[in-house]
C-alpha atoms as a PDB file:
ATOM      1  CA  MET A   1      -3.770 -38.718 186.979  1.00  0.00           C
ATOM      2  CA  ASP A   2      -0.925 -40.984 187.177  1.00  0.00           C
ATOM      3  CA  ARG A   3       2.314 -39.190 188.327  1.00  0.00           C
ATOM      4  CA  GLU A   4       5.397 -40.682 188.479  1.00  0.00           C
ATOM      5  CA  PHE A   5       7.367 -40.362 192.109  1.00  0.00           C
ATOM      6  CA  LYS A   6      10.466 -37.968 191.925  1.00  0.00           C
ATOM      7  CA  PHE A   7      12.399 -40.079 194.951  1.00  0.00           C
ATOM      8  CA  ASN A   8      12.273 -43.659 195.409  1.00  0.00           C
ATOM      9  CA  LEU A   9      12.132 -45.613 198.955  1.00  0.00           C
ATOM     10  CA  ASP A  10      15.262 -45.761 201.202  1.00  0.00           C
ATOM     11  CA  GLN A  11      16.509 -42.815 198.698  1.00  0.00           C
ATOM     12  CA  ARG A  12      18.132 -39.897 200.800  1.00  0.00           C
ATOM     13  CA  VAL A  13      16.820 -36.314 200.408  1.00  0.00           C
ATOM     14  CA  THR A  14      16.857 -32.836 201.674  1.00  0.00           C
ATOM     15  CA  ILE A  15      14.467 -30.651 203.225  1.00  0.00           C
ATOM     16  CA  THR A  16      14.904 -27.525 201.132  1.00  0.00           C
ATOM     17  CA  GLU A  17      13.928 -24.960 203.700  1.00  0.00           C
ATOM     18  CA  SER A  18      15.964 -26.444 206.330  1.00  0.00           C
ATOM     19  CA  GLY A  19      18.837 -28.272 204.930  1.00  0.00           C
ATOM     20  CA  GLU A  20      17.994 -31.136 206.968  1.00  0.00           C
ATOM     21  CA  SER A  21      18.376 -34.493 205.379  1.00  0.00           C
ATOM     22  CA  GLY A  22      16.905 -38.145 205.867  1.00  0.00           C
ATOM     23  CA  ASP A  23      15.584 -41.001 203.904  1.00  0.00           C
ATOM     24  CA  VAL A  24      12.192 -41.797 202.465  1.00  0.00           C
ATOM     25  CA  ILE A  25      10.381 -44.487 204.435  1.00  0.00           C
ATOM     26  CA  GLY A  26       7.223 -43.897 202.858  1.00  0.00           C
ATOM     27  CA  ARG A  27       5.459 -42.432 199.734  1.00  0.00           C
ATOM     28  CA  ALA A  28       2.014 -41.258 199.080  1.00  0.00           C
ATOM     29  CA  GLU A  29      -0.185 -39.685 195.970  1.00  0.00           C
ATOM     30  CA  TYR A  30      -3.375 -37.822 195.874  1.00  0.00           C
ATOM     31  CA  SER A  31      -5.606 -37.286 192.918  1.00  0.00           C
ATOM     32  CA  LYS A  32      -5.811 -33.548 193.846  1.00  0.00           C
ATOM     33  CA  SER A  33      -2.220 -32.814 195.094  1.00  0.00           C
ATOM     34  CA  GLU A  34       1.593 -33.155 194.885  1.00  0.00           C
ATOM     35  CA  ASN A  35       3.056 -36.558 195.740  1.00  0.00           C
ATOM     36  CA  HIS A  36       4.070 -36.768 199.532  1.00  0.00           C
ATOM     37  CA  TYR A  37       7.039 -38.708 201.341  1.00  0.00           C
ATOM     38  CA  PHE A  38       7.279 -39.888 204.830  1.00  0.00           C
ATOM     39  CA  ILE A  39      10.792 -38.749 205.735  1.00  0.00           C
ATOM     40  CA  ARG A  40      12.913 -40.104 208.630  1.00  0.00           C
ATOM     41  CA  TYR A  41      15.334 -37.355 209.655  1.00  0.00           C
ATOM     42  CA  LYS A  42      17.588 -35.844 212.245  1.00  0.00           C
ATOM     43  CA  ALA A  43      15.923 -32.293 213.274  1.00  0.00           C
ATOM     44  CA  GLY A  44      18.132 -29.347 213.764  1.00  0.00           C
ATOM     45  CA  ASP A  45      18.102 -29.673 217.500  1.00  0.00           C
ATOM     46  CA  GLY A  46      19.040 -33.332 217.289  1.00  0.00           C
ATOM     47  CA  ARG A  47      15.874 -35.179 217.616  1.00  0.00           C
ATOM     48  CA  ALA A  48      15.168 -38.316 215.645  1.00  0.00           C
ATOM     49  CA  THR A  49      11.743 -37.393 214.066  1.00  0.00           C
ATOM     50  CA  GLN A  50       9.630 -38.560 211.056  1.00  0.00           C
ATOM     51  CA  ASP A  51       7.175 -36.603 208.979  1.00  0.00           C
ATOM     52  CA  TRP A  52       5.307 -35.984 205.663  1.00  0.00           C
ATOM     53  CA  TRP A  53       6.724 -33.548 203.055  1.00  0.00           C
ATOM     54  CA  GLY A  54       5.442 -32.613 199.648  1.00  0.00           C
ATOM     55  CA  GLU A  55       7.518 -33.607 196.692  1.00  0.00           C
ATOM     56  CA  SER A  56       8.260 -29.938 195.991  1.00  0.00           C
ATOM     57  CA  ALA A  57       9.901 -29.360 199.507  1.00  0.00           C
ATOM     58  CA  LEU A  58      12.660 -31.917 198.672  1.00  0.00           C
ATOM     59  CA  HIS A  59      15.439 -32.293 196.577  1.00  0.00           C
ATOM     60  CA  ALA A  60      17.708 -35.335 196.416  1.00  0.00           C
ATOM     61  CA  ALA A  61      20.758 -35.172 198.944  1.00  0.00           C
END
C-alpha cells in the first residue's frame, strides 16, 4: 500500500490530545498501520522529549 505522508520532515505539528507542539524529525510507513512520525517537543512539564506518534494523533501547527 502506497500512502503519502501528511506531514513533512522539519514541519511543526501539534499533538491533538495534549496541545504540545514539536518538529517532525523522522517518519515511518507500515503495510498494516497508519504512518508514524518521530516528534521532538517540549512536554507539558518542561522536559525536552521525543517520541513516535501516529498520524491520527497529530495536526499541523
